[in-house]
Amino acid sequence: MEIGVYECNSVNGLLQTPEHARAVISAAQPPYSPDDVERMVTARLARQSVFERDPAPSIHFVLEEAPLRRPIGGTMAWRRQLERLLEVGRLHNVTLQVMPLNSEVHSGLDGRIEVLKFPDGTAVGRSDGAFNGRATSDPKQLRVLELRYGTIRAQALSPGESLALIKQLLGET
């Protein structure tokens, strides 16, 4: 299995610490009840078991730099979130890249892109800015998403440069 995710406004849920997830979910308007927040945090964290699968899926993330600079949940929660990104970014089956703030334009300006490719050759994808945000398995539409995602990955910092930037941000906290 292969998972490709471009995230523009936040840290992707698969990468969030419990504190970060709780702060993001609690910020919704209208607000969720405390029980609903905890249920949603638990569900979000449960999806992170994808990193423990055997065989391990190939997972590629491209995150915008701006959300990495936002101290969601306070300074200590932000530090733990950056540490979590470094931890996951070092996994053998994960590629983590950052789209730097100084990128003038790129193919992800319309919003999040997700593409999942399955071992049987099928795939599904979605994008906030394409096909009304609906999931699609249409080969022509998937090709558009794959082209956009591939272009974003090419324009982002390399994985090594991305981890170095995250370390730098961690040092600034």
C-alpha atoms as a PDB file:
ATOM      1  CA  MET A   1       0.000   0.000   0.000  1.00  0.00           C
ATOM      2  CA  GLU A   2       1.136   3.544  -0.711  1.00  0.00           C
ATOM      3  CA  ILE A   3      -0.260   6.703   0.901  1.00  0.00           C
ATOM      4  CA  GLY A   4       0.475  10.200  -0.368  1.00  0.00           C
ATOM      5  CA  VAL A   5      -0.721  13.266   1.541  1.00  0.00           C
ATOM      6  CA  TYR A   6      -0.239  16.970   0.978  1.00  0.00           C
ATOM      7  CA  GLU A   7      -1.493  19.046   3.915  1.00  0.00           C
ATOM      8  CA  CYS A   8      -1.670  22.821   3.708  1.00  0.00           C
ATOM      9  CA  ASN A   9      -3.391  24.220   6.788  1.00  0.00           C
ATOM     10  CA  SER A  10      -2.457  21.863   9.598  1.00  0.00           C
ATOM     11  CA  VAL A  11      -0.329  18.921  10.599  1.00  0.00           C
ATOM     12  CA  ASN A  12      -1.926  15.796   9.168  1.00  0.00           C
ATOM     13  CA  GLY A  13      -3.869  13.725  11.723  1.00  0.00           C
ATOM     14  CA  LEU A  14      -1.597  10.713  11.188  1.00  0.00           C
ATOM     15  CA  LEU A  15       1.262  12.844  12.498  1.00  0.00           C
ATOM     16  CA  GLN A  16      -0.464  14.599  15.398  1.00  0.00           C
ATOM     17  CA  THR A  17       0.381  14.115  19.048  1.00  0.00           C
ATOM     18  CA  PRO A  18      -2.567  13.677  21.446  1.00  0.00           C
ATOM     19  CA  GLU A  19      -2.135  17.257  22.713  1.00  0.00           C
ATOM     20  CA  HIS A  20      -2.036  18.699  19.227  1.00  0.00           C
ATOM     21  CA  ALA A  21      -5.076  16.689  18.118  1.00  0.00           C
ATOM     22  CA  ARG A  22      -7.011  17.736  21.220  1.00  0.00           C
ATOM     23  CA  ALA A  23      -6.181  21.432  20.687  1.00  0.00           C
ATOM     24  CA  VAL A  24      -7.157  21.341  17.007  1.00  0.00           C
ATOM     25  CA  ILE A  25     -10.416  19.469  17.587  1.00  0.00           C
ATOM     26  CA  SER A  26     -11.304  21.646  20.587  1.00  0.00           C
ATOM     27  CA  ALA A  27     -10.882  24.795  18.466  1.00  0.00           C
ATOM     28  CA  ALA A  28     -13.794  23.860  16.177  1.00  0.00           C
ATOM     29  CA  GLN A  29     -16.826  26.099  16.040  1.00  0.00           C
ATOM     30  CA  PRO A  30     -19.432  25.298  17.093  1.00  0.00           C
ATOM     31  CA  PRO A  31     -17.510  23.503  19.819  1.00  0.00           C
ATOM     32  CA  TYR A  32     -17.705  19.771  20.377  1.00  0.00           C
ATOM     33  CA  SER A  33     -18.619  18.412  23.794  1.00  0.00           C
ATOM     34  CA  PRO A  34     -15.663  17.227  25.914  1.00  0.00           C
ATOM     35  CA  ASP A  35     -16.773  13.626  25.368  1.00  0.00           C
ATOM     36  CA  ASP A  36     -16.910  14.125  21.596  1.00  0.00           C
ATOM     37  CA  VAL A  37     -13.457  15.735  21.626  1.00  0.00           C
ATOM     38  CA  GLU A  38     -11.987  12.751  23.473  1.00  0.00           C
ATOM     39  CA  ARG A  39     -13.767  10.288  21.171  1.00  0.00           C
ATOM     40  CA  MET A  40     -12.394  12.103  18.106  1.00  0.00           C
ATOM     41  CA  VAL A  41      -8.861  12.290  19.543  1.00  0.00           C
ATOM     42  CA  THR A  42      -8.958   8.564  20.326  1.00  0.00           C
ATOM     43  CA  ALA A  43     -10.131   7.768  16.782  1.00  0.00           C
ATOM     44  CA  ARG A  44      -7.461  10.007  15.232  1.00  0.00           C
ATOM     45  CA  LEU A  45      -4.700   8.388  17.285  1.00  0.00           C
ATOM     46  CA  ALA A  46      -5.993   4.894  16.488  1.00  0.00           C
ATOM     47  CA  ARG A  47      -5.462   5.586  12.768  1.00  0.00           C
ATOM     48  CA  GLN A  48      -1.764   6.056  13.529  1.00  0.00           C
ATOM     49  CA  SER A  49      -1.491   2.274  13.833  1.00  0.00           C
ATOM     50  CA  VAL A  50      -0.843   2.439  10.077  1.00  0.00           C
ATOM     51  CA  PHE A  51       2.820   3.001  11.007  1.00  0.00           C
ATOM     52  CA  GLU A  52       2.909  -0.401  12.731  1.00  0.00           C
ATOM     53  CA  ARG A  53       1.484  -2.505   9.901  1.00  0.00           C
ATOM     54  CA  ASP A  54       3.409  -5.414   8.499  1.00  0.00           C
ATOM     55  CA  PRO A  55       4.183  -5.098   5.694  1.00  0.00           C
ATOM     56  CA  ALA A  56       4.676  -1.395   6.272  1.00  0.00           C
ATOM     57  CA  PRO A  57       2.942   0.847   3.752  1.00  0.00           C
ATOM     58  CA  SER A  58       4.975   3.446   1.909  1.00  0.00           C
ATOM     59  CA  ILE A  59       3.774   6.807   3.278  1.00  0.00           C
ATOM     60  CA  HIS A  60       4.667  10.197   1.833  1.00  0.00           C
ATOM     61  CA  PHE A  61       3.762  13.492   3.513  1.00  0.00           C
ATOM     62  CA  VAL A  62       4.239  17.021   2.269  1.00  0.00           C
ATOM     63  CA  LEU A  63       3.379  19.649   4.884  1.00  0.00           C
ATOM     64  CA  GLU A  64       3.323  23.396   4.494  1.00  0.00           C
ATOM     65  CA  GLU A  65       5.849  25.212   6.678  1.00  0.00           C
ATOM     66  CA  ALA A  66       3.344  27.702   8.140  1.00  0.00           C
ATOM     67  CA  PRO A  67       1.432  25.176  10.311  1.00  0.00           C
ATOM     68  CA  LEU A  68       4.749  23.870  11.641  1.00  0.00           C
ATOM     69  CA  ARG A  69       5.451  27.341  13.013  1.00  0.00           C
ATOM     70  CA  ARG A  70       2.071  27.642  14.779  1.00  0.00           C
ATOM     71  CA  PRO A  71       2.413  26.790  18.510  1.00  0.00           C
ATOM     72  CA  ILE A  72      -0.875  24.914  18.756  1.00  0.00           C
ATOM     73  CA  GLY A  73      -1.546  23.849  22.334  1.00  0.00           C
ATOM     74  CA  GLY A  74       1.236  26.048  23.751  1.00  0.00           C
ATOM     75  CA  THR A  75       5.003  25.904  23.578  1.00  0.00           C
ATOM     76  CA  MET A  76       5.512  22.486  25.178  1.00  0.00           C
ATOM     77  CA  ALA A  77       2.802  20.837  23.071  1.00  0.00           C
ATOM     78  CA  TRP A  78       4.320  22.452  19.982  1.00  0.00           C
ATOM     79  CA  ARG A  79       7.773  21.093  20.916  1.00  0.00           C
ATOM     80  CA  ARG A  80       6.346  17.582  21.339  1.00  0.00           C
ATOM     81  CA  GLN A  81       4.599  17.913  17.972  1.00  0.00           C
ATOM     82  CA  LEU A  82       7.842  18.874  16.241  1.00  0.00           C
ATOM     83  CA  GLU A  83       9.622  15.987  18.004  1.00  0.00           C
ATOM     84  CA  ARG A  84       6.893  13.638  16.758  1.00  0.00           C
ATOM     85  CA  LEU A  85       7.419  14.858  13.192  1.00  0.00           C
ATOM     86  CA  LEU A  86      11.137  14.131  13.475  1.00  0.00           C
ATOM     87  CA  GLU A  87      10.407  10.672  14.912  1.00  0.00           C
ATOM     88  CA  VAL A  88       7.973   9.708  12.141  1.00  0.00           C
ATOM     89  CA  GLY A  89      10.116  11.360   9.459  1.00  0.00           C
ATOM     90  CA  ARG A  90      12.958   8.973  10.334  1.00  0.00           C
ATOM     91  CA  LEU A  91      10.891   5.808   9.837  1.00  0.00           C
ATOM     92  CA  HIS A  92      12.149   3.657   6.949  1.00  0.00           C
ATOM     93  CA  ASN A  93       8.788   3.632   5.181  1.00  0.00           C
ATOM     94  CA  VAL A  94       7.969   7.337   5.600  1.00  0.00           C
ATOM     95  CA  THR A  95       9.005  10.326   3.534  1.00  0.00           C
ATOM     96  CA  LEU A  96       8.325  13.696   5.157  1.00  0.00           C
ATOM     97  CA  GLN A  97       8.804  16.873   3.160  1.00  0.00           C
ATOM     98  CA  VAL A  98       8.085  20.519   3.901  1.00  0.00           C
ATOM     99  CA  MET A  99       6.846  23.067   1.387  1.00  0.00           C
ATOM    100  CA  PRO A 100       8.809  26.184   2.382  1.00  0.00           C
ATOM    101  CA  LEU A 101       7.134  29.521   2.974  1.00  0.00           C
ATOM    102  CA  ASN A 102       9.216  31.117   0.247  1.00  0.00           C
ATOM    103  CA  SER A 103       7.583  28.994  -2.483  1.00  0.00           C
ATOM    104  CA  GLU A 104       5.668  31.501  -4.544  1.00  0.00           C
ATOM    105  CA  VAL A 105       3.208  29.123  -6.216  1.00  0.00           C
ATOM    106  CA  HIS A 106       2.701  25.384  -6.381  1.00  0.00           C
ATOM    107  CA  SER A 107       0.072  22.821  -7.328  1.00  0.00           C
ATOM    108  CA  GLY A 108      -1.309  22.491  -3.811  1.00  0.00           C
ATOM    109  CA  LEU A 109      -2.671  25.984  -3.354  1.00  0.00           C
ATOM    110  CA  ASP A 110      -6.207  24.613  -3.810  1.00  0.00           C
ATOM    111  CA  GLY A 111      -5.916  22.532  -0.633  1.00  0.00           C
ATOM    112  CA  ARG A 112      -5.243  19.077   0.721  1.00  0.00           C
ATOM    113  CA  ILE A 113      -4.522  16.149  -1.600  1.00  0.00           C
ATOM    114  CA  GLU A 114      -4.678  12.497  -0.590  1.00  0.00           C
ATOM    115  CA  VAL A 115      -3.915   9.506  -2.812  1.00  0.00           C
ATOM    116  CA  LEU A 116      -4.079   5.898  -1.626  1.00  0.00           C
ATOM    117  CA  LYS A 117      -2.785   3.079  -3.829  1.00  0.00           C
ATOM    118  CA  PHE A 118      -3.652  -0.488  -2.905  1.00  0.00           C
ATOM    119  CA  PRO A 119      -1.694  -3.719  -3.549  1.00  0.00           C
ATOM    120  CA  ASP A 120      -4.311  -4.926  -6.042  1.00  0.00           C
ATOM    121  CA  GLY A 121      -3.582  -1.930  -8.297  1.00  0.00           C
ATOM    122  CA  THR A 122      -6.663   0.071  -7.391  1.00  0.00           C
ATOM    123  CA  ALA A 123      -6.443   3.580  -6.034  1.00  0.00           C
ATOM    124  CA  VAL A 124      -8.586   6.312  -4.552  1.00  0.00           C
ATOM    125  CA  GLY A 125      -7.864   9.974  -4.066  1.00  0.00           C
ATOM    126  CA  ARG A 126      -9.377  13.270  -3.088  1.00  0.00           C
ATOM    127  CA  SER A 127      -8.495  16.916  -3.121  1.00  0.00           C
ATOM    128  CA  ASP A 128     -10.099  19.949  -1.560  1.00  0.00           C
ATOM    129  CA  GLY A 129      -9.642  21.819  -4.837  1.00  0.00           C
ATOM    130  CA  ALA A 130     -10.640  19.186  -7.389  1.00  0.00           C
ATOM    131  CA  PHE A 131     -13.760  17.189  -8.176  1.00  0.00           C
ATOM    132  CA  ASN A 132     -15.803  19.028  -5.549  1.00  0.00           C
ATOM    133  CA  GLY A 133     -13.626  17.544  -2.814  1.00  0.00           C
ATOM    134  CA  ARG A 134     -15.148  14.116  -3.359  1.00  0.00           C
ATOM    135  CA  ALA A 135     -13.195  10.888  -3.310  1.00  0.00           C
ATOM    136  CA  THR A 136     -12.545   9.475  -6.753  1.00  0.00           C
ATOM    137  CA  SER A 137     -11.291   6.246  -8.231  1.00  0.00           C
ATOM    138  CA  ASP A 138     -11.725   7.415 -11.838  1.00  0.00           C
ATOM    139  CA  PRO A 139      -8.367   6.826 -13.589  1.00  0.00           C
ATOM    140  CA  LYS A 140      -8.377  10.199 -15.361  1.00  0.00           C
ATOM    141  CA  GLN A 141      -9.148  12.101 -12.168  1.00  0.00           C
ATOM    142  CA  LEU A 142      -6.563  10.089 -10.224  1.00  0.00           C
ATOM    143  CA  ARG A 143      -3.986  10.977 -12.868  1.00  0.00           C
ATOM    144  CA  VAL A 144      -4.707  14.680 -12.247  1.00  0.00           C
ATOM    145  CA  LEU A 145      -4.247  14.221  -8.494  1.00  0.00           C
ATOM    146  CA  GLU A 146      -1.073  12.191  -8.969  1.00  0.00           C
ATOM    147  CA  LEU A 147       0.354  14.842 -11.289  1.00  0.00           C
ATOM    148  CA  ARG A 148      -0.415  17.608  -8.787  1.00  0.00           C
ATOM    149  CA  TYR A 149       0.992  15.597  -5.892  1.00  0.00           C
ATOM    150  CA  GLY A 150       4.128  14.686  -7.820  1.00  0.00           C
ATOM    151  CA  THR A 151       4.704  18.325  -8.690  1.00  0.00           C
ATOM    152  CA  ILE A 152       4.251  19.349  -5.050  1.00  0.00           C
ATOM    153  CA  ARG A 153       6.791  16.738  -3.934  1.00  0.00           C
ATOM    154  CA  ALA A 154       9.266  17.981  -6.523  1.00  0.00           C
ATOM    155  CA  GLN A 155       8.846  21.596  -5.348  1.00  0.00           C
ATOM    156  CA  ALA A 156       9.097  20.825  -1.620  1.00  0.00           C
ATOM    157  CA  LEU A 157      12.305  20.597   0.358  1.00  0.00           C
ATOM    158  CA  SER A 158      14.046  17.218   0.213  1.00  0.00           C
ATOM    159  CA  PRO A 159      13.385  14.860   3.134  1.00  0.00           C
ATOM    160  CA  GLY A 160      16.796  15.694   4.633  1.00  0.00           C
ATOM    161  CA  GLU A 161      16.279  19.435   4.252  1.00  0.00           C
ATOM    162  CA  SER A 162      12.792  19.068   5.711  1.00  0.00           C
ATOM    163  CA  LEU A 163      14.009  17.277   8.844  1.00  0.00           C
ATOM    164  CA  ALA A 164      16.740  19.910   9.208  1.00  0.00           C
ATOM    165  CA  LEU A 165      14.097  22.663   9.056  1.00  0.00           C
ATOM    166  CA  ILE A 166      11.980  20.898  11.690  1.00  0.00           C
ATOM    167  CA  LYS A 167      15.073  20.574  13.922  1.00  0.00           C
ATOM    168  CA  GLN A 168      15.690  24.279  13.429  1.00  0.00           C
ATOM    169  CA  LEU A 169      12.113  25.100  14.434  1.00  0.00           C
ATOM    170  CA  LEU A 170      12.484  22.861  17.477  1.00  0.00           C
ATOM    171  CA  GLY A 171      15.600  24.782  18.426  1.00  0.00           C
ATOM    172  CA  GLU A 172      13.656  28.048  18.216  1.00  0.00           C
ATOM    173  CA  THR A 173      11.003  26.920  20.720  1.00  0.00           C
END
